[in-house]
Amino acid sequence: MPVIKRYPNRKLYDTEAKGYITLEQIGELIRDGQDIQVMDHATGEDLTALTLTQIILERERKRSGFL
């Protein structure tokens, strides 16, 4: 399971691939059937649900729909 760390500057870092990743790329991982975990770098807090919500809202915004 890829672990993604979120930094204070809102950048997301994929610890498995050893590089920065975008919300769009995280969405692709999920659509490909991968489980992910997003954690705050400083506190270790689990931010997975918050990040998934953000991905859904961004996707809806791009499609000019509102859920």
C-alpha atoms as a PDB file:
ATOM      1  CA  MET A   1       0.000   0.000   0.000  1.00  0.00           C
ATOM      2  CA  PRO A   2       1.534   3.319  -1.033  1.00  0.00           C
ATOM      3  CA  VAL A   3       1.985   5.762   1.845  1.00  0.00           C
ATOM      4  CA  ILE A   4       1.739   9.385   0.812  1.00  0.00           C
ATOM      5  CA  LYS A   5       2.995  12.114   3.112  1.00  0.00           C
ATOM      6  CA  ARG A   6       1.429  15.555   3.050  1.00  0.00           C
ATOM      7  CA  TYR A   7       3.783  18.414   3.890  1.00  0.00           C
ATOM      8  CA  PRO A   8       2.841  21.827   5.364  1.00  0.00           C
ATOM      9  CA  ASN A   9       3.171  23.440   1.917  1.00  0.00           C
ATOM     10  CA  ARG A  10       0.400  21.004   0.765  1.00  0.00           C
ATOM     11  CA  LYS A  11       2.791  18.991  -1.401  1.00  0.00           C
ATOM     12  CA  LEU A  12       2.186  15.266  -1.515  1.00  0.00           C
ATOM     13  CA  TYR A  13       5.119  12.841  -1.507  1.00  0.00           C
ATOM     14  CA  ASP A  14       4.777   9.191  -2.517  1.00  0.00           C
ATOM     15  CA  THR A  15       7.170   7.300  -0.242  1.00  0.00           C
ATOM     16  CA  GLU A  16       7.002   4.160  -2.399  1.00  0.00           C
ATOM     17  CA  ALA A  17       7.807   5.854  -5.728  1.00  0.00           C
ATOM     18  CA  LYS A  18      10.123   8.359  -4.011  1.00  0.00           C
ATOM     19  CA  GLY A  19       8.671  11.441  -5.680  1.00  0.00           C
ATOM     20  CA  TYR A  20       5.998  14.092  -5.488  1.00  0.00           C
ATOM     21  CA  ILE A  21       2.502  13.160  -6.610  1.00  0.00           C
ATOM     22  CA  THR A  22      -0.606  15.169  -7.523  1.00  0.00           C
ATOM     23  CA  LEU A  23      -4.192  14.661  -6.424  1.00  0.00           C
ATOM     24  CA  GLU A  24      -4.968  13.590  -9.978  1.00  0.00           C
ATOM     25  CA  GLN A  25      -2.291  10.895  -9.849  1.00  0.00           C
ATOM     26  CA  ILE A  26      -3.621   9.659  -6.499  1.00  0.00           C
ATOM     27  CA  GLY A  27      -7.057   9.413  -8.105  1.00  0.00           C
ATOM     28  CA  GLU A  28      -5.561   7.286 -10.889  1.00  0.00           C
ATOM     29  CA  LEU A  29      -4.003   4.937  -8.333  1.00  0.00           C
ATOM     30  CA  ILE A  30      -7.368   4.502  -6.641  1.00  0.00           C
ATOM     31  CA  ARG A  31      -9.177   3.908  -9.943  1.00  0.00           C
ATOM     32  CA  ASP A  32      -6.538   1.246 -10.713  1.00  0.00           C
ATOM     33  CA  GLY A  33      -7.626  -0.539  -7.532  1.00  0.00           C
ATOM     34  CA  GLN A  34      -4.756   0.392  -5.234  1.00  0.00           C
ATOM     35  CA  ASP A  35      -5.295   1.205  -1.581  1.00  0.00           C
ATOM     36  CA  ILE A  36      -3.450   4.279  -0.371  1.00  0.00           C
ATOM     37  CA  GLN A  37      -2.787   5.989   2.917  1.00  0.00           C
ATOM     38  CA  VAL A  38      -2.174   9.718   3.252  1.00  0.00           C
ATOM     39  CA  MET A  39      -0.447  10.924   6.400  1.00  0.00           C
ATOM     40  CA  ASP A  40       0.520  14.337   7.688  1.00  0.00           C
ATOM     41  CA  HIS A  41       4.322  14.503   7.680  1.00  0.00           C
ATOM     42  CA  ALA A  42       4.638  16.476  10.908  1.00  0.00           C
ATOM     43  CA  THR A  43       1.955  14.884  13.103  1.00  0.00           C
ATOM     44  CA  GLY A  44       1.424  11.451  11.553  1.00  0.00           C
ATOM     45  CA  GLU A  45      -2.330  12.130  11.421  1.00  0.00           C
ATOM     46  CA  ASP A  46      -4.254  10.032   8.888  1.00  0.00           C
ATOM     47  CA  LEU A  47      -5.503  12.369   6.139  1.00  0.00           C
ATOM     48  CA  THR A  48      -6.738   9.679   3.729  1.00  0.00           C
ATOM     49  CA  ALA A  49     -10.467  10.491   3.997  1.00  0.00           C
ATOM     50  CA  LEU A  50      -9.824  14.225   3.667  1.00  0.00           C
ATOM     51  CA  THR A  51      -7.654  13.689   0.588  1.00  0.00           C
ATOM     52  CA  LEU A  52     -10.189  11.367  -1.070  1.00  0.00           C
ATOM     53  CA  THR A  53     -12.904  13.968  -0.491  1.00  0.00           C
ATOM     54  CA  GLN A  54     -10.672  16.599  -2.075  1.00  0.00           C
ATOM     55  CA  ILE A  55     -10.124  14.352  -5.129  1.00  0.00           C
ATOM     56  CA  ILE A  56     -13.872  13.845  -5.566  1.00  0.00           C
ATOM     57  CA  LEU A  57     -14.594  17.582  -5.303  1.00  0.00           C
ATOM     58  CA  GLU A  58     -11.833  18.463  -7.792  1.00  0.00           C
ATOM     59  CA  ARG A  59     -13.110  15.898 -10.264  1.00  0.00           C
ATOM     60  CA  GLU A  60     -16.676  17.201  -9.981  1.00  0.00           C
ATOM     61  CA  ARG A  61     -15.471  20.782 -10.383  1.00  0.00           C
ATOM     62  CA  LYS A  62     -13.646  19.874 -13.606  1.00  0.00           C
ATOM     63  CA  ARG A  63     -16.735  18.152 -14.962  1.00  0.00           C
ATOM     64  CA  SER A  64     -18.826  21.263 -14.126  1.00  0.00           C
ATOM     65  CA  GLY A  65     -21.098  19.167 -12.001  1.00  0.00           C
ATOM     66  CA  PHE A  66     -21.843  19.251  -8.364  1.00  0.00           C
ATOM     67  CA  LEU A  67     -22.034  15.681  -7.160  1.00  0.00           C
END
